Protein backbone atom coordinates (compact mmCIF):
# COMPACT_ATOMS: atom_id res chain seq x y z
CA MET A 1 84.31 79.03 138.51
CA LEU A 2 81.59 81.13 136.48
CA SER A 3 83.84 84.44 137.28
CA LEU A 4 86.87 82.58 136.11
CA VAL A 5 85.13 81.11 132.68
CA THR A 6 83.62 84.36 131.94
CA PHE A 7 86.44 86.81 132.53
CA LEU A 8 89.18 84.69 131.13
CA PRO A 9 89.16 85.77 128.08
CA LEU A 10 89.04 89.43 128.86
CA LEU A 11 92.43 88.85 130.76
CA GLY A 12 93.62 86.76 127.57
CA ALA A 13 92.50 90.15 125.48
CA LEU A 14 94.59 92.25 127.93
CA ALA A 15 97.67 90.42 127.94
CA ILE A 16 97.37 90.13 124.35
CA ALA A 17 97.26 94.24 124.24
CA ILE A 18 100.13 94.67 126.86
CA GLY A 19 102.35 91.37 125.44
CA VAL A 20 102.28 91.95 121.81
CA ARG A 21 103.65 94.60 119.38
CA ASN A 22 101.36 95.21 116.58
CA ASN A 23 103.61 94.37 113.60
CA ALA A 24 103.49 91.46 111.23
CA HIS A 25 106.02 89.22 112.76
CA LYS A 26 104.24 89.14 116.17
CA ALA A 27 100.66 88.44 114.45
CA ASN A 28 100.97 84.65 115.06
CA MET A 29 101.54 85.48 118.91
CA ALA A 30 98.22 87.06 119.20
CA ARG A 31 96.93 84.31 117.35
CA TYR A 32 98.61 81.49 119.49
CA GLY A 33 97.50 83.53 122.67
CA ALA A 34 94.12 84.13 121.61
CA LEU A 35 93.75 80.32 120.73
CA ILE A 36 95.32 79.06 123.87
CA VAL A 37 93.03 81.00 126.25
CA SER A 38 89.83 80.24 124.17
CA LEU A 39 90.47 76.49 124.63
CA ALA A 40 91.83 77.07 128.05
CA THR A 41 88.07 78.54 128.41
CA PHE A 42 86.24 75.85 126.95
CA PHE A 43 87.94 73.02 129.19
CA LEU A 44 86.93 75.24 132.13
CA SER A 45 83.29 75.47 131.24
CA LEU A 46 83.79 71.46 130.73
CA VAL A 47 84.53 71.28 134.80
CA LEU A 48 81.36 73.09 135.19
CA LEU A 49 79.65 70.67 132.89
CA HIS A 50 80.76 67.71 135.06
CA ARG A 51 80.06 69.60 138.29
CA PHE A 52 76.77 70.29 137.33
CA ASP A 53 73.86 68.43 138.74
CA VAL A 54 71.36 67.88 136.22
CA ALA A 55 68.69 66.65 138.94
CA SER A 56 68.57 70.06 140.12
CA SER A 57 66.45 72.99 138.81
CA ALA A 58 68.12 75.75 141.14
CA PHE A 59 70.93 78.34 139.89
CA GLN A 60 74.42 76.70 140.80
CA PHE A 61 77.90 78.07 141.00
CA LEU A 62 76.25 81.37 142.34
CA GLU A 63 78.36 83.85 143.12
CA GLU A 64 77.18 87.06 144.67
CA VAL A 65 79.47 90.08 146.05
CA PRO A 66 77.75 93.75 146.83
CA TRP A 67 77.97 96.21 144.11
CA LEU A 68 75.51 98.86 144.78
CA PRO A 69 73.81 97.29 147.43
CA ALA A 70 71.88 101.08 148.10
CA PHE A 71 69.86 100.24 144.81
CA GLY A 72 69.81 96.38 145.09
CA ILE A 73 72.20 95.99 142.84
CA HIS A 74 74.70 93.06 143.33
CA TYR A 75 77.48 91.21 141.16
CA ARG A 76 75.38 87.83 140.83
CA MET A 77 76.12 84.57 139.11
CA GLY A 78 75.00 81.28 138.58
CA VAL A 79 73.79 78.96 136.00
CA ASP A 80 70.94 76.65 135.54
CA GLY A 81 70.16 73.62 132.75
CA ILE A 82 68.87 76.03 130.67
CA SER A 83 72.04 78.90 130.49
CA LEU A 84 74.69 76.58 130.80
CA PRO A 85 74.30 74.94 127.46
CA PHE A 86 75.34 78.54 125.91
CA VAL A 87 77.75 78.87 128.01
CA LEU A 88 79.24 75.43 126.54
CA LEU A 89 78.30 76.61 123.03
CA THR A 90 80.09 79.99 123.61
CA THR A 91 83.03 78.36 124.61
CA LEU A 92 83.26 75.89 121.90
CA LEU A 93 82.66 77.99 118.90
CA THR A 94 85.34 80.63 119.96
CA PRO A 95 88.45 78.77 119.45
CA ILE A 96 86.78 77.50 116.30
CA CYS A 97 86.20 80.94 114.79
CA ILE A 98 89.64 81.59 116.08
CA LEU A 99 90.97 79.25 113.66
CA ALA A 100 89.29 79.45 110.86
CA SER A 101 90.34 83.49 110.94
CA TRP A 102 94.01 81.80 110.93
CA GLU A 103 94.87 82.95 107.55
CA SER A 104 91.79 85.07 106.36
CA ILE A 105 92.92 87.90 108.94
CA GLN A 106 95.86 89.59 107.74
CA LYS A 107 95.52 93.24 108.88
CA ARG A 108 95.16 94.56 112.54
CA VAL A 109 95.42 90.92 113.85
CA LYS A 110 95.95 91.67 117.44
CA GLU A 111 92.92 93.84 117.50
CA TYR A 112 90.99 91.33 116.09
CA MET A 113 91.93 88.46 118.77
CA ILE A 114 91.35 91.12 121.38
CA ALA A 115 87.73 91.95 120.30
CA PHE A 116 87.20 88.32 119.60
CA LEU A 117 87.77 87.35 123.09
CA ALA A 118 86.31 90.34 124.67
CA LEU A 119 82.89 89.49 122.68
CA GLU A 120 83.49 85.74 124.06
CA ALA A 121 83.55 87.38 127.60
CA PHE A 122 80.72 89.37 127.48
CA VAL A 123 78.19 86.78 125.90
CA VAL A 124 79.43 83.99 128.40
CA GLY A 125 78.58 86.86 131.06
CA VAL A 126 74.95 87.41 129.56
CA PHE A 127 74.37 83.49 130.10
CA CYS A 128 75.35 83.50 133.76
CA ALA A 129 74.20 86.91 135.08
CA LEU A 130 71.75 86.92 137.85
CA ASP A 131 71.36 90.30 138.21
CA PHE A 132 69.48 92.73 135.92
CA ILE A 133 72.12 95.76 135.93
CA LEU A 134 74.47 93.17 135.53
CA PHE A 135 73.02 91.36 132.56
CA TYR A 136 71.93 94.42 131.03
CA ILE A 137 75.80 96.09 130.85
CA LEU A 138 76.83 92.73 129.22
CA TRP A 139 74.21 92.66 127.04
CA GLU A 140 75.10 96.32 125.77
CA ALA A 141 78.73 95.80 125.81
CA MET A 142 78.72 93.04 123.45
CA LEU A 143 77.76 95.48 120.90
CA ILE A 144 81.00 97.06 120.71
CA PRO A 145 83.57 94.02 120.18
CA MET A 146 80.55 92.83 117.38
CA PHE A 147 80.61 96.34 115.85
CA LEU A 148 84.29 96.37 115.76
CA ILE A 149 84.72 92.96 113.93
CA ILE A 150 82.03 93.94 111.05
CA GLY A 151 83.01 97.37 110.76
CA VAL A 152 87.04 97.02 110.84
CA TRP A 153 87.21 93.26 109.20
CA GLY A 154 84.49 93.29 107.01
CA GLY A 155 83.04 93.21 103.47
CA PRO A 156 82.95 96.62 101.09
CA ASN A 157 79.52 97.97 102.71
CA ARG A 158 80.95 97.42 106.55
CA ILE A 159 80.11 100.18 107.80
CA TYR A 160 76.45 100.77 106.77
CA ALA A 161 76.15 96.95 108.07
CA ALA A 162 77.49 97.49 111.44
CA MET A 163 75.83 100.66 111.85
CA LYS A 164 72.65 98.80 111.09
CA PHE A 165 73.50 95.88 113.47
CA PHE A 166 74.63 98.73 116.37
CA LEU A 167 71.28 100.74 115.85
CA TYR A 168 69.07 98.42 115.60
CA THR A 169 70.10 96.29 118.97
CA LEU A 170 70.75 99.52 120.51
CA ALA A 171 67.10 100.87 119.75
CA GLY A 172 65.47 97.65 121.08
CA SER A 173 67.67 97.62 124.19
CA VAL A 174 66.68 101.22 125.43
CA LEU A 175 63.02 99.59 125.70
CA MET A 176 64.81 97.01 127.86
CA LEU A 177 66.20 99.19 130.02
CA LEU A 178 62.97 100.83 131.00
CA ALA A 179 61.70 97.36 131.03
CA VAL A 180 64.30 96.51 133.55
CA LEU A 181 63.95 99.62 136.01
CA ALA A 182 60.22 98.93 135.96
CA MET A 183 60.99 95.52 137.55
CA GLY A 184 63.69 96.75 139.97
CA ILE A 185 61.79 99.64 141.29
CA LYS A 186 58.64 97.23 141.69
CA GLY A 187 60.61 94.03 143.42
CA GLY A 188 63.05 96.60 145.64
CA THR A 189 65.51 93.91 144.09
CA PHE A 190 67.47 93.20 140.65
CA SER A 191 68.07 89.88 141.22
CA ILE A 192 66.73 88.00 138.66
CA PRO A 193 65.59 84.74 141.03
CA GLU A 194 63.80 86.76 143.33
CA LEU A 195 61.88 89.06 140.66
CA MET A 196 60.71 85.69 139.51
CA ASP A 197 58.30 84.95 142.22
CA LEU A 198 57.20 88.64 142.34
CA PRO A 199 53.62 89.01 141.98
CA LEU A 200 52.43 91.53 139.37
CA SER A 201 49.51 93.22 137.79
CA PHE A 202 48.36 92.18 134.14
CA GLN A 203 48.77 95.25 132.96
CA PHE A 204 52.24 95.96 134.58
CA GLN A 205 53.23 92.28 132.67
CA VAL A 206 51.81 93.97 129.25
CA TRP A 207 53.74 97.15 129.53
CA VAL A 208 57.06 95.09 130.70
CA PHE A 209 56.80 92.15 128.08
CA LEU A 210 56.32 94.59 125.35
CA GLY A 211 59.73 96.12 126.73
CA PHE A 212 61.18 93.08 126.54
CA PHE A 213 60.07 91.73 123.57
CA VAL A 214 61.08 94.48 121.20
CA SER A 215 64.52 93.81 122.11
CA PHE A 216 64.81 90.09 122.15
CA SER A 217 62.78 90.20 118.82
CA VAL A 218 65.32 92.37 117.31
CA LYS A 219 67.94 90.33 118.80
CA VAL A 220 66.40 86.86 117.44
CA PRO A 221 65.74 88.39 114.56
CA MET A 222 61.80 87.88 114.29
CA TRP A 223 60.13 89.34 111.21
CA PRO A 224 59.97 92.33 110.52
CA VAL A 225 62.97 93.29 112.63
CA HIS A 226 65.03 90.94 110.99
CA THR A 227 66.54 92.93 108.08
CA TRP A 228 69.82 94.01 109.70
CA LEU A 229 70.72 90.30 109.72
CA PRO A 230 71.66 89.53 106.09
CA ASP A 231 73.20 92.45 105.60
CA ALA A 232 75.77 91.85 108.94
CA HIS A 233 76.66 88.29 107.94
CA VAL A 234 77.32 89.65 104.38
CA GLU A 235 79.83 91.90 105.13
CA ALA A 236 80.95 90.23 108.40
CA PRO A 237 84.22 88.33 108.02
CA THR A 238 83.20 84.54 108.00
CA ALA A 239 84.42 83.85 111.96
CA GLY A 240 82.26 87.06 112.71
CA SER A 241 79.13 85.49 110.74
CA VAL A 242 79.92 82.18 112.40
CA ILE A 243 79.69 83.41 116.09
CA LEU A 244 76.73 86.21 114.88
CA ALA A 245 74.57 83.17 113.98
CA GLY A 246 76.00 80.63 116.54
CA ILE A 247 75.42 82.99 119.55
CA LEU A 248 74.20 85.98 119.25
CA LEU A 249 71.15 85.17 117.88
CA LYS A 250 70.38 83.12 120.83
CA MET A 251 70.68 85.71 123.18
CA GLY A 252 67.06 87.40 122.21
CA ALA A 253 65.32 83.82 122.64
CA TYR A 254 67.15 82.94 125.94
CA GLY A 255 65.80 86.39 127.04
CA PHE A 256 62.17 84.95 125.96
CA LEU A 257 63.07 81.88 128.81
CA ARG A 258 64.89 83.74 131.41
CA PHE A 259 62.54 86.62 131.33
CA SER A 260 59.48 86.91 129.71
CA ILE A 261 57.86 83.30 130.01
CA PRO A 262 58.77 82.99 134.12
CA MET A 263 58.34 86.77 135.05
CA LEU A 264 55.32 87.42 132.80
CA PRO A 265 53.49 84.47 132.36
CA ASP A 266 50.18 85.85 132.02
CA ALA A 267 51.51 88.71 129.55
CA ALA A 268 53.37 85.84 127.52
CA ARG A 269 50.16 83.67 127.51
CA PHE A 270 48.10 86.97 125.93
CA PHE A 271 50.86 87.52 123.03
CA THR A 272 51.23 83.91 122.31
CA PRO A 273 49.05 84.22 119.42
CA LEU A 274 51.02 87.49 118.39
CA ILE A 275 54.53 85.24 118.74
CA PHE A 276 53.00 82.55 116.59
CA ALA A 277 51.88 84.46 114.01
CA LEU A 278 54.86 86.96 113.39
CA SER A 279 57.09 83.32 113.85
CA LEU A 280 55.22 81.60 111.05
CA VAL A 281 55.75 84.55 108.69
CA ALA A 282 59.44 84.08 109.28
CA VAL A 283 59.35 80.30 108.92
CA ILE A 284 57.69 80.86 105.33
CA TYR A 285 58.53 83.99 104.18
CA THR A 286 62.16 84.16 104.66
CA ALA A 287 62.49 80.23 103.81
CA LEU A 288 60.87 81.95 100.19
CA VAL A 289 63.48 84.74 100.25
CA ALA A 290 65.98 82.40 100.84
CA LEU A 291 65.21 80.67 97.49
CA MET A 292 65.82 83.71 95.47
CA GLN A 293 69.13 84.81 97.27
CA ARG A 294 72.46 84.61 94.76
CA ASP A 295 74.87 85.29 97.60
CA LEU A 296 75.38 81.97 99.52
CA LYS A 297 75.80 83.66 102.51
CA LYS A 298 73.00 85.73 102.30
CA LEU A 299 70.97 82.76 101.73
CA ILE A 300 71.94 81.15 104.91
CA ALA A 301 71.26 84.55 106.62
CA TYR A 302 67.73 84.15 105.68
CA SER A 303 67.57 80.26 106.53
CA SER A 304 68.72 81.50 109.79
CA VAL A 305 65.74 83.77 110.65
CA SER A 306 63.58 81.06 108.98
CA HIS A 307 64.86 78.27 111.48
CA MET A 308 64.65 80.73 114.41
CA GLY A 309 61.16 81.27 113.50
CA PHE A 310 60.66 77.76 114.28
CA VAL A 311 62.95 78.36 117.72
CA THR A 312 60.01 80.89 119.04
CA ILE A 313 57.04 78.76 118.29
CA GLY A 314 58.45 75.72 120.36
CA LEU A 315 59.08 78.26 123.35
CA PHE A 316 55.91 79.26 123.39
CA THR A 317 53.99 76.30 123.31
CA PHE A 318 54.33 76.05 126.70
CA ASN A 319 54.85 72.27 126.94
CA GLN A 320 57.80 70.13 127.73
CA GLN A 321 58.14 69.24 124.33
CA GLY A 322 58.18 72.48 122.50
CA VAL A 323 60.21 74.35 124.91
CA GLU A 324 63.03 71.37 125.04
CA GLY A 325 62.86 71.48 121.13
CA GLY A 326 63.33 75.42 121.23
CA ILE A 327 66.50 74.95 123.44
CA LEU A 328 67.71 72.20 121.56
CA GLN A 329 67.08 73.73 117.91
CA MET A 330 68.84 76.78 119.18
CA ILE A 331 72.08 74.58 120.06
CA ASN A 332 71.71 72.82 116.91
CA HIS A 333 71.56 75.66 114.59
CA GLY A 334 74.25 77.56 116.41
CA ILE A 335 76.43 74.22 115.58
CA VAL A 336 74.72 73.93 111.88
CA ALA A 337 74.61 77.65 110.82
CA GLY A 338 77.78 78.00 112.20
CA ALA A 339 79.76 75.21 110.14
CA LEU A 340 77.91 76.81 107.08
CA PHE A 341 79.24 79.70 107.55
CA LEU A 342 82.62 78.27 107.97
CA LEU A 343 81.96 76.42 104.70
CA VAL A 344 81.19 79.65 102.58
CA GLY A 345 84.32 81.13 104.17
CA VAL A 346 86.71 78.14 103.02
CA ILE A 347 85.51 78.54 99.60
CA TYR A 348 85.97 82.78 99.49
CA ASP A 349 89.06 82.25 100.95
CA ARG A 350 90.09 80.26 97.94
CA LEU A 351 87.83 82.20 95.00
CA HIS A 352 86.90 85.50 96.88
CA THR A 353 83.52 85.40 95.66
CA ARG A 354 79.92 84.01 97.24
CA GLU A 355 77.64 84.06 94.19
CA ILE A 356 76.49 80.77 93.41
CA ILE A 357 76.80 81.05 89.41
CA ARG A 358 80.52 81.32 89.63
CA PHE A 359 80.46 77.96 91.28
CA GLY A 360 79.77 74.40 89.88
CA GLY A 361 81.47 71.23 89.83
CA LEU A 362 83.48 71.39 93.08
CA ALA A 363 82.91 67.81 94.14
CA GLN A 364 85.40 67.11 91.42
CA ARG A 365 88.17 69.35 92.76
CA MET A 366 87.33 68.84 96.22
CA PRO A 367 85.20 65.93 97.27
CA ILE A 368 86.25 66.12 101.28
CA TYR A 369 84.49 69.54 101.16
CA ALA A 370 81.89 68.25 99.24
CA VAL A 371 80.99 65.35 101.56
CA ILE A 372 81.35 68.13 104.84
CA PHE A 373 78.71 70.12 102.74
CA MET A 374 76.37 67.54 102.33
CA LEU A 375 76.33 66.62 105.81
CA PHE A 376 75.50 70.07 107.36
CA SER A 377 73.18 70.94 104.55
CA MET A 378 71.33 67.91 105.63
CA ALA A 379 71.55 68.45 109.00
CA SER A 380 70.01 72.25 108.22
CA VAL A 381 67.45 70.27 106.40
CA GLY A 382 66.36 68.07 109.56
CA LEU A 383 67.23 64.35 107.92
CA PRO A 384 66.65 61.81 110.56
CA GLY A 385 69.92 60.86 111.98
CA THR A 386 71.23 64.57 112.20
CA ASN A 387 70.60 66.91 115.12
CA GLY A 388 68.25 69.02 113.16
CA PHE A 389 65.79 66.46 113.21
CA VAL A 390 65.76 65.99 116.74
CA GLY A 391 65.02 69.69 117.08
CA GLU A 392 62.50 70.02 114.49
CA PHE A 393 60.53 67.11 115.73
CA LEU A 394 60.09 68.13 119.14
CA ILE A 395 58.95 71.21 118.32
CA LEU A 396 56.36 70.33 115.92
CA LEU A 397 55.19 67.82 118.34
CA GLY A 398 55.08 70.64 120.88
CA ALA A 399 53.18 73.12 118.55
CA PHE A 400 50.73 70.36 117.57
CA LEU A 401 49.83 69.91 121.25
CA ALA A 402 49.31 73.80 121.29
CA SER A 403 47.92 74.37 117.62
CA LYS A 404 47.15 72.07 114.99
CA ALA A 405 47.06 74.84 112.43
CA VAL A 406 50.22 76.71 113.76
CA ALA A 407 52.06 72.83 113.33
CA PHE A 408 50.67 72.29 109.94
CA LEU A 409 51.53 75.76 108.78
CA ALA A 410 55.18 75.30 110.37
CA ALA A 411 55.82 71.81 108.58
CA THR A 412 55.70 73.83 105.39
CA GLY A 413 59.00 75.71 106.69
CA VAL A 414 60.90 72.12 106.41
CA VAL A 415 59.65 71.48 102.94
CA LEU A 416 60.77 74.89 102.08
CA GLY A 417 64.19 74.56 103.65
CA ALA A 418 64.45 71.52 101.94
CA ALA A 419 64.17 73.22 98.53
CA TYR A 420 66.68 75.74 98.93
CA MET A 421 69.27 74.05 100.56
CA LEU A 422 69.18 71.38 97.77
CA TRP A 423 68.73 73.61 95.04
CA MET A 424 72.04 75.28 97.01
CA TYR A 425 74.10 71.82 96.97
CA LYS A 426 72.99 71.03 93.56
CA ARG A 427 74.28 74.13 91.64
CA VAL A 428 77.44 74.59 94.09
CA VAL A 429 78.84 71.24 94.29
CA PHE A 430 77.58 69.37 91.50
CA GLY A 431 77.32 69.60 87.64
CA GLU A 432 80.21 70.56 85.36
CA ILE A 433 83.06 72.99 86.18
CA ARG A 434 81.95 76.45 84.66
CA ASN A 435 84.46 78.52 86.14
CA PRO A 436 88.30 77.89 85.11
CA GLU A 437 89.14 78.93 88.65
CA VAL A 438 87.51 76.02 90.07
CA SER A 439 89.96 73.54 88.03
CA ALA A 440 93.01 74.68 90.42
CA LEU A 441 90.88 74.47 93.82
CA LYS A 442 92.55 72.78 96.66
CA ASP A 443 90.39 70.83 98.89
CA VAL A 444 90.13 71.29 102.69
CA GLY A 445 93.25 71.31 104.57
CA MET A 446 94.09 69.59 107.87
CA ARG A 447 93.33 73.35 110.07
CA GLU A 448 90.34 73.63 108.20
CA LEU A 449 89.43 70.10 108.88
CA ALA A 450 89.92 70.60 112.73
CA THR A 451 87.32 73.62 112.66
CA PHE A 452 84.76 71.15 111.38
CA ILE A 453 85.28 68.08 113.16
CA PRO A 454 83.92 68.79 116.68
CA LEU A 455 80.66 70.06 114.86
CA ILE A 456 80.63 67.12 112.79
CA VAL A 457 80.74 64.89 115.69
CA LEU A 458 78.06 66.95 117.39
CA VAL A 459 75.93 66.70 114.44
CA PHE A 460 75.41 62.88 115.14
CA TRP A 461 75.81 62.62 118.54
CA ILE A 462 72.75 64.36 118.86
CA GLY A 463 71.10 62.88 115.81
CA PHE A 464 71.39 59.63 117.40
CA TYR A 465 71.67 60.20 121.03
CA PRO A 466 70.31 62.91 122.27
CA LYS A 467 69.54 62.03 126.18
CA PRO A 468 72.49 63.45 127.38
CA PHE A 469 71.89 66.85 125.91
CA LEU A 470 68.18 66.62 126.89
CA ASP A 471 68.92 65.93 130.32
CA VAL A 472 70.76 68.76 131.02
CA PHE A 473 67.83 71.25 130.77
CA HIS A 474 64.99 68.72 131.37
CA VAL A 475 64.39 69.63 135.03
CA SER A 476 64.87 73.47 134.17
CA VAL A 477 62.29 73.28 131.59
CA GLN A 478 59.89 71.63 134.25
CA HIS A 479 60.62 74.23 136.57
CA LEU A 480 60.05 76.92 134.06
CA LEU A 481 56.97 75.73 133.03
CA GLU A 482 55.94 75.46 136.26
CA GLN A 483 56.75 79.25 136.78
CA ALA A 484 55.08 79.84 133.78
CA SER A 485 51.29 78.01 135.08
CA VAL A 486 51.01 80.59 137.98
CA ILE A 487 48.28 83.33 137.21
CA LYS A 488 50.51 85.97 139.01
CA THR A 489 47.64 88.23 139.17
CA GLY A 490 46.10 86.01 141.75
CA ALA A 491 48.80 83.50 142.48
CA VAL A 492 47.02 80.81 141.15
CA VAL A 493 48.51 77.79 139.94
CA MET A 494 46.27 76.32 136.66
CA GLY A 495 46.92 72.52 136.35
CA MET A 496 49.49 71.80 133.55
CA LYS A 497 48.01 69.70 130.55
């Protein structure tokens, strides 16, 4: 099942590459083919969820085939309660992205759809891989389609943004490769589940943690290695920004959850003050930077850095509330930030500008759009009743149990978040119509509405009844914290508070 969910999009991309000619008359064949394949992948991932045992912390749907057995390398796949939600988020956002690109992408449509399906396959594979070498190959392979999506279909400065994205991520990945090789040589295997139980000296843990940290912090991104993200978001096409904010940023935080915390718990605790400090700078500083932005995409991009700062605080609280809040907030951010970029795309397709000063009075011409924009703005702020509130509440509760000072400083980010989102909404949606082009705008159509409805349902579902979502990863988080409570240098189990 996991291999089918992972590689069905790749098979679909191959079918489109072979069966669809590259001309304007065949573009719709590529669009419909990509949409059908992505929807089929999503429904298969729902089958995974239906068959998943939430009472077990073990990896499920295991697959293992010898690959390079002489080197301890196997094709290993499996998911637990931590990785499965991100598989589902990826398979949900991909068909939404394809729908959002239906009219905005008019050149090289075939290649665009192939790139998106390949990206989906590689990202799902990252969340399912249980072999370090397989994980690393898929992690690196993901760079290629994303690089092309930004570099070919992006804005005027797309080449600069694509190169910056590629170089930042690749530079971090080189150090991760050294960490992976060190773990594999030390344990005699590249099996991720086996390496989780490997006793390691504190000095070894520190060096390996730093190797992982550089790579994962770039991907999150954490301050000060976040500067590639605003450029990538501004230049990427709308769907590229959605998948970048919704999925790719989660891969770094997932790496902390999967490797740094359970495999290197002593080093993780040692570096927790540093993680908290960098996360707080991200939460507060990038929120202030967002307040100063004149470009809608840049404002949402900086807000993403601020929100991911909340996530890393939650993950390193080493308590149930904080870690579960961090995971849930990753899902929430994927939903809300993805929707906000879709909303920017809707108005950009009509006015061909993202300058906030060019808008104003949209509520008079696009009332449905204004309501949807308000909903996701409030979810980003963390209004009670929306998904953003549940995640932020759990993170702040976990942070309070870990450090009252960290919790207090993180809470200021909530206030700043409300400031920049309400400021943006007021200037874009309310007031008088200053731009004559706004007077001729049409409200959202059925295709655009179809991209928002699933996300709106999730905003309220998680906001009012988060239990089914928390149940998926509750037992796995308990197991993760048990692994993190082991002092591996002496194999002593600490009492959990």
